[in-house]
């Protein structure tokens, strides 16, 4: 490619110039649902959360759950939890509520956590096989479900029982995410 008359050549004297960073992988609808409609449990600043502080944040989030709704959250990151790599269990989430179903998606998007009420409503039991499309319903040494879901195919029975957002809610969430992305370039 030939430089134009307006091209300016800059000698960096051995230094490297890299182009701006590009986000090549985004799931706009999922991101919008998480960020626009879910309880944000992300924590990238010290002090990192403990299970107890996460439980308190979720308890506070219950006030926004309508009757018959689910507490849906995202952003929990075990690598930013004290102690390091502490993961939520159904028993932990039952400390938030035993009557409201809870579904929390890990920061990676590849791990979910549910309480016993969510397991009950989704019909997932100790005898439920792992999904044919991949994923694992994690069990403890005794064969009991822990409430940890590995990979999105395990989310499907839970998502099928959750109320769907209205078109207006979804459109608003997508617009909010797009504005946020545009504001940062």
C-alpha atoms as a PDB file:
ATOM      1  CA  UNK A   1       0.000   0.000   0.000  1.00  0.00           C
ATOM      2  CA  UNK A   2       1.412   3.381  -0.993  1.00  0.00           C
ATOM      3  CA  UNK A   3       1.461   6.288   1.444  1.00  0.00           C
ATOM      4  CA  UNK A   4      -0.656   9.310   0.510  1.00  0.00           C
ATOM      5  CA  UNK A   5       0.615  12.894   0.293  1.00  0.00           C
ATOM      6  CA  UNK A   6      -0.770  13.539   3.770  1.00  0.00           C
ATOM      7  CA  UNK A   7       0.967  10.551   5.368  1.00  0.00           C
ATOM      8  CA  UNK A   8       3.330  11.525   8.163  1.00  0.00           C
ATOM      9  CA  UNK A   9       6.257   9.198   8.874  1.00  0.00           C
ATOM     10  CA  UNK A  10       7.434   9.133  12.493  1.00  0.00           C
ATOM     11  CA  UNK A  11      10.751   7.534  13.465  1.00  0.00           C
ATOM     12  CA  UNK A  12      10.105   5.787  16.770  1.00  0.00           C
ATOM     13  CA  UNK A  13      13.817   5.096  17.219  1.00  0.00           C
ATOM     14  CA  UNK A  14      13.364   1.389  17.923  1.00  0.00           C
ATOM     15  CA  UNK A  15      10.204   1.711  20.012  1.00  0.00           C
ATOM     16  CA  UNK A  16       6.983  -0.125  19.247  1.00  0.00           C
ATOM     17  CA  UNK A  17       3.661   1.511  18.488  1.00  0.00           C
ATOM     18  CA  UNK A  18       0.607  -0.692  18.876  1.00  0.00           C
ATOM     19  CA  UNK A  19      -2.885   0.069  17.625  1.00  0.00           C
ATOM     20  CA  UNK A  20      -5.680   0.645  20.109  1.00  0.00           C
ATOM     21  CA  UNK A  21      -7.085  -2.450  21.708  1.00  0.00           C
ATOM     22  CA  UNK A  22     -10.028  -4.057  19.955  1.00  0.00           C
ATOM     23  CA  UNK A  23     -12.763  -6.131  21.576  1.00  0.00           C
ATOM     24  CA  UNK A  24     -13.147  -8.971  19.063  1.00  0.00           C
ATOM     25  CA  UNK A  25     -15.494 -11.123  21.131  1.00  0.00           C
ATOM     26  CA  UNK A  26     -18.654  -9.806  22.695  1.00  0.00           C
ATOM     27  CA  UNK A  27     -22.074 -11.319  23.262  1.00  0.00           C
ATOM     28  CA  UNK A  28     -24.101  -8.117  23.112  1.00  0.00           C
ATOM     29  CA  UNK A  29     -27.482  -9.519  24.159  1.00  0.00           C
ATOM     30  CA  UNK A  30     -26.116 -11.666  26.997  1.00  0.00           C
ATOM     31  CA  UNK A  31     -23.887  -8.820  28.195  1.00  0.00           C
ATOM     32  CA  UNK A  32     -26.861  -6.460  28.072  1.00  0.00           C
ATOM     33  CA  UNK A  33     -29.093  -8.827  30.034  1.00  0.00           C
ATOM     34  CA  UNK A  34     -26.407  -9.341  32.678  1.00  0.00           C
ATOM     35  CA  UNK A  35     -25.461  -5.670  33.016  1.00  0.00           C
ATOM     36  CA  UNK A  36     -28.854  -4.112  32.427  1.00  0.00           C
ATOM     37  CA  UNK A  37     -31.159  -6.521  34.188  1.00  0.00           C
ATOM     38  CA  UNK A  38     -29.003  -8.468  36.648  1.00  0.00           C
ATOM     39  CA  UNK A  39     -27.455  -7.686  40.015  1.00  0.00           C
ATOM     40  CA  UNK A  40     -23.852  -6.656  39.397  1.00  0.00           C
ATOM     41  CA  UNK A  41     -21.589  -8.561  41.797  1.00  0.00           C
ATOM     42  CA  UNK A  42     -18.328  -7.667  40.047  1.00  0.00           C
ATOM     43  CA  UNK A  43     -15.542  -6.465  42.304  1.00  0.00           C
ATOM     44  CA  UNK A  44     -12.252  -5.319  40.840  1.00  0.00           C
ATOM     45  CA  UNK A  45     -11.065  -3.233  43.775  1.00  0.00           C
ATOM     46  CA  UNK A  46      -9.603  -4.107  47.144  1.00  0.00           C
ATOM     47  CA  UNK A  47     -10.755  -5.279  49.546  1.00  0.00           C
ATOM     48  CA  UNK A  48     -12.125  -8.201  47.591  1.00  0.00           C
ATOM     49  CA  UNK A  49     -15.447  -9.742  48.565  1.00  0.00           C
ATOM     50  CA  UNK A  50     -15.847 -12.650  50.926  1.00  0.00           C
ATOM     51  CA  UNK A  51     -18.765 -15.059  50.680  1.00  0.00           C
ATOM     52  CA  UNK A  52     -20.355 -13.079  53.501  1.00  0.00           C
ATOM     53  CA  UNK A  53     -20.131  -9.723  51.677  1.00  0.00           C
ATOM     54  CA  UNK A  54     -21.505 -11.331  48.508  1.00  0.00           C
ATOM     55  CA  UNK A  55     -24.404 -12.751  50.535  1.00  0.00           C
ATOM     56  CA  UNK A  56     -25.119  -9.285  51.965  1.00  0.00           C
ATOM     57  CA  UNK A  57     -25.091  -7.730  48.467  1.00  0.00           C
ATOM     58  CA  UNK A  58     -27.515 -10.393  47.245  1.00  0.00           C
ATOM     59  CA  UNK A  59     -29.795  -9.898  50.269  1.00  0.00           C
ATOM     60  CA  UNK A  60     -29.895  -6.185  49.437  1.00  0.00           C
ATOM     61  CA  UNK A  61     -30.729  -7.080  45.825  1.00  0.00           C
ATOM     62  CA  UNK A  62     -33.776  -9.093  46.926  1.00  0.00           C
ATOM     63  CA  UNK A  63     -35.744  -5.863  47.384  1.00  0.00           C
ATOM     64  CA  UNK A  64     -35.741  -5.433  43.590  1.00  0.00           C
ATOM     65  CA  UNK A  65     -37.108  -8.917  42.862  1.00  0.00           C
ATOM     66  CA  UNK A  66     -40.828  -8.852  42.025  1.00  0.00           C
ATOM     67  CA  UNK A  67     -43.188 -11.488  43.397  1.00  0.00           C
ATOM     68  CA  UNK A  68     -42.568 -14.737  41.546  1.00  0.00           C
ATOM     69  CA  UNK A  69     -39.256 -13.444  40.203  1.00  0.00           C
ATOM     70  CA  UNK A  70     -35.737 -14.746  40.457  1.00  0.00           C
ATOM     71  CA  UNK A  71     -32.676 -13.063  41.904  1.00  0.00           C
ATOM     72  CA  UNK A  72     -30.370 -13.016  38.915  1.00  0.00           C
ATOM     73  CA  UNK A  73     -26.809 -11.769  39.274  1.00  0.00           C
ATOM     74  CA  UNK A  74     -23.494 -11.838  37.490  1.00  0.00           C
ATOM     75  CA  UNK A  75     -19.849 -11.040  37.923  1.00  0.00           C
ATOM     76  CA  UNK A  76     -18.780 -13.173  40.874  1.00  0.00           C
ATOM     77  CA  UNK A  77     -15.082 -13.891  40.410  1.00  0.00           C
ATOM     78  CA  UNK A  78     -13.498 -16.505  42.694  1.00  0.00           C
ATOM     79  CA  UNK A  79     -10.047 -15.148  41.816  1.00  0.00           C
ATOM     80  CA  UNK A  80     -11.139 -11.863  43.395  1.00  0.00           C
ATOM     81  CA  UNK A  81     -12.763 -13.396  46.448  1.00  0.00           C
ATOM     82  CA  UNK A  82     -11.271 -13.853  49.884  1.00  0.00           C
ATOM     83  CA  UNK A  83     -10.169 -16.491  50.572  1.00  0.00           C
ATOM     84  CA  UNK A  84      -8.805 -16.935  47.066  1.00  0.00           C
ATOM     85  CA  UNK A  85     -10.963 -19.097  44.764  1.00  0.00           C
ATOM     86  CA  UNK A  86     -13.911 -19.306  47.184  1.00  0.00           C
ATOM     87  CA  UNK A  87     -16.932 -20.371  45.167  1.00  0.00           C
ATOM     88  CA  UNK A  88     -20.586 -20.047  46.032  1.00  0.00           C
ATOM     89  CA  UNK A  89     -22.677 -23.107  46.822  1.00  0.00           C
ATOM     90  CA  UNK A  90     -26.413 -23.752  47.035  1.00  0.00           C
ATOM     91  CA  UNK A  91     -26.040 -23.665  50.823  1.00  0.00           C
ATOM     92  CA  UNK A  92     -24.428 -20.204  50.617  1.00  0.00           C
ATOM     93  CA  UNK A  93     -27.217 -18.941  48.361  1.00  0.00           C
ATOM     94  CA  UNK A  94     -29.831 -20.403  50.708  1.00  0.00           C
ATOM     95  CA  UNK A  95     -28.505 -17.899  53.284  1.00  0.00           C
ATOM     96  CA  UNK A  96     -29.789 -15.212  50.910  1.00  0.00           C
ATOM     97  CA  UNK A  97     -33.196 -16.853  50.423  1.00  0.00           C
ATOM     98  CA  UNK A  98     -34.780 -20.275  50.550  1.00  0.00           C
ATOM     99  CA  UNK A  99     -37.997 -19.049  48.898  1.00  0.00           C
ATOM    100  CA  UNK A 100     -36.698 -16.882  46.031  1.00  0.00           C
ATOM    101  CA  UNK A 101     -34.842 -18.835  43.341  1.00  0.00           C
ATOM    102  CA  UNK A 102     -31.312 -17.514  42.794  1.00  0.00           C
ATOM    103  CA  UNK A 103     -29.166 -17.823  39.677  1.00  0.00           C
ATOM    104  CA  UNK A 104     -25.724 -16.180  39.647  1.00  0.00           C
ATOM    105  CA  UNK A 105     -23.335 -16.239  36.690  1.00  0.00           C
ATOM    106  CA  UNK A 106     -19.594 -16.138  37.321  1.00  0.00           C
ATOM    107  CA  UNK A 107     -17.481 -13.372  35.724  1.00  0.00           C
ATOM    108  CA  UNK A 108     -16.291 -15.818  33.056  1.00  0.00           C
ATOM    109  CA  UNK A 109     -19.828 -16.633  31.952  1.00  0.00           C
ATOM    110  CA  UNK A 110     -18.897 -20.313  32.015  1.00  0.00           C
ATOM    111  CA  UNK A 111     -19.884 -21.079  35.613  1.00  0.00           C
ATOM    112  CA  UNK A 112     -23.182 -20.532  37.384  1.00  0.00           C
ATOM    113  CA  UNK A 113     -24.383 -20.904  40.948  1.00  0.00           C
ATOM    114  CA  UNK A 114     -27.946 -21.682  42.072  1.00  0.00           C
ATOM    115  CA  UNK A 115     -29.742 -22.171  45.362  1.00  0.00           C
ATOM    116  CA  UNK A 116     -31.868 -25.168  46.303  1.00  0.00           C
ATOM    117  CA  UNK A 117     -35.102 -23.362  45.335  1.00  0.00           C
ATOM    118  CA  UNK A 118     -33.755 -22.859  41.798  1.00  0.00           C
ATOM    119  CA  UNK A 119     -32.716 -26.524  41.614  1.00  0.00           C
ATOM    120  CA  UNK A 120     -36.220 -27.532  42.697  1.00  0.00           C
ATOM    121  CA  UNK A 121     -38.014 -25.275  40.187  1.00  0.00           C
ATOM    122  CA  UNK A 122     -35.722 -26.341  37.337  1.00  0.00           C
ATOM    123  CA  UNK A 123     -36.247 -30.014  38.185  1.00  0.00           C
ATOM    124  CA  UNK A 124     -32.505 -30.650  38.473  1.00  0.00           C
ATOM    125  CA  UNK A 125     -31.816 -33.404  41.010  1.00  0.00           C
ATOM    126  CA  UNK A 126     -28.915 -35.602  42.063  1.00  0.00           C
ATOM    127  CA  UNK A 127     -30.101 -38.056  39.391  1.00  0.00           C
ATOM    128  CA  UNK A 128     -30.253 -35.529  36.549  1.00  0.00           C
ATOM    129  CA  UNK A 129     -27.653 -36.428  33.917  1.00  0.00           C
ATOM    130  CA  UNK A 130     -25.235 -33.806  32.686  1.00  0.00           C
ATOM    131  CA  UNK A 131     -26.513 -32.120  29.502  1.00  0.00           C
ATOM    132  CA  UNK A 132     -25.766 -33.920  26.244  1.00  0.00           C
ATOM    133  CA  UNK A 133     -24.444 -30.654  24.785  1.00  0.00           C
ATOM    134  CA  UNK A 134     -21.750 -30.380  27.439  1.00  0.00           C
ATOM    135  CA  UNK A 135     -21.533 -29.044  30.947  1.00  0.00           C
ATOM    136  CA  UNK A 136     -21.540 -30.476  34.445  1.00  0.00           C
ATOM    137  CA  UNK A 137     -23.919 -30.271  37.379  1.00  0.00           C
ATOM    138  CA  UNK A 138     -21.211 -30.390  40.051  1.00  0.00           C
ATOM    139  CA  UNK A 139     -21.724 -32.853  42.895  1.00  0.00           C
ATOM    140  CA  UNK A 140     -19.904 -33.355  46.172  1.00  0.00           C
ATOM    141  CA  UNK A 141     -18.201 -36.581  47.269  1.00  0.00           C
ATOM    142  CA  UNK A 142     -21.577 -37.976  48.415  1.00  0.00           C
ATOM    143  CA  UNK A 143     -23.201 -37.354  45.022  1.00  0.00           C
ATOM    144  CA  UNK A 144     -25.231 -34.332  46.139  1.00  0.00           C
ATOM    145  CA  UNK A 145     -25.562 -31.272  43.926  1.00  0.00           C
ATOM    146  CA  UNK A 146     -23.438 -28.369  45.146  1.00  0.00           C
ATOM    147  CA  UNK A 147     -25.299 -25.679  43.215  1.00  0.00           C
ATOM    148  CA  UNK A 148     -22.358 -25.095  40.865  1.00  0.00           C
ATOM    149  CA  UNK A 149     -23.083 -25.305  37.135  1.00  0.00           C
ATOM    150  CA  UNK A 150     -20.236 -25.652  34.643  1.00  0.00           C
ATOM    151  CA  UNK A 151     -20.823 -24.349  31.097  1.00  0.00           C
ATOM    152  CA  UNK A 152     -23.967 -22.716  29.685  1.00  0.00           C
ATOM    153  CA  UNK A 153     -25.830 -25.900  28.637  1.00  0.00           C
ATOM    154  CA  UNK A 154     -26.387 -26.495  32.364  1.00  0.00           C
ATOM    155  CA  UNK A 155     -28.094 -23.082  32.607  1.00  0.00           C
ATOM    156  CA  UNK A 156     -30.946 -24.001  30.259  1.00  0.00           C
ATOM    157  CA  UNK A 157     -33.313 -25.697  32.760  1.00  0.00           C
ATOM    158  CA  UNK A 158     -33.000 -22.648  35.030  1.00  0.00           C
ATOM    159  CA  UNK A 159     -33.386 -20.059  32.292  1.00  0.00           C
ATOM    160  CA  UNK A 160     -36.500 -21.877  31.075  1.00  0.00           C
ATOM    161  CA  UNK A 161     -38.131 -21.208  34.457  1.00  0.00           C
ATOM    162  CA  UNK A 162     -37.013 -17.592  34.826  1.00  0.00           C
ATOM    163  CA  UNK A 163     -39.390 -14.834  33.721  1.00  0.00           C
ATOM    164  CA  UNK A 164     -38.365 -13.440  30.337  1.00  0.00           C
ATOM    165  CA  UNK A 165     -37.587  -9.734  30.121  1.00  0.00           C
ATOM    166  CA  UNK A 166     -40.091  -7.657  28.215  1.00  0.00           C
ATOM    167  CA  UNK A 167     -39.094  -6.365  24.799  1.00  0.00           C
ATOM    168  CA  UNK A 168     -38.863  -2.885  26.315  1.00  0.00           C
ATOM    169  CA  UNK A 169     -36.560  -4.090  29.130  1.00  0.00           C
ATOM    170  CA  UNK A 170     -34.333  -5.956  26.688  1.00  0.00           C
ATOM    171  CA  UNK A 171     -34.158  -3.038  24.246  1.00  0.00           C
ATOM    172  CA  UNK A 172     -33.340  -0.641  27.095  1.00  0.00           C
ATOM    173  CA  UNK A 173     -30.612  -2.950  28.390  1.00  0.00           C
ATOM    174  CA  UNK A 174     -29.054  -3.275  24.919  1.00  0.00           C
ATOM    175  CA  UNK A 175     -29.150   0.504  24.429  1.00  0.00           C
ATOM    176  CA  UNK A 176     -27.488   1.002  27.818  1.00  0.00           C
ATOM    177  CA  UNK A 177     -24.707  -1.446  26.979  1.00  0.00           C
ATOM    178  CA  UNK A 178     -24.168   0.118  23.550  1.00  0.00           C
ATOM    179  CA  UNK A 179     -23.955   3.607  25.114  1.00  0.00           C
ATOM    180  CA  UNK A 180     -21.448   2.324  27.681  1.00  0.00           C
ATOM    181  CA  UNK A 181     -19.328   0.715  24.946  1.00  0.00           C
ATOM    182  CA  UNK A 182     -19.484   3.827  22.755  1.00  0.00           C
ATOM    183  CA  UNK A 183     -18.442   6.041  25.684  1.00  0.00           C
ATOM    184  CA  UNK A 184     -15.185   4.137  26.049  1.00  0.00           C
ATOM    185  CA  UNK A 185     -14.378   3.944  22.362  1.00  0.00           C
END
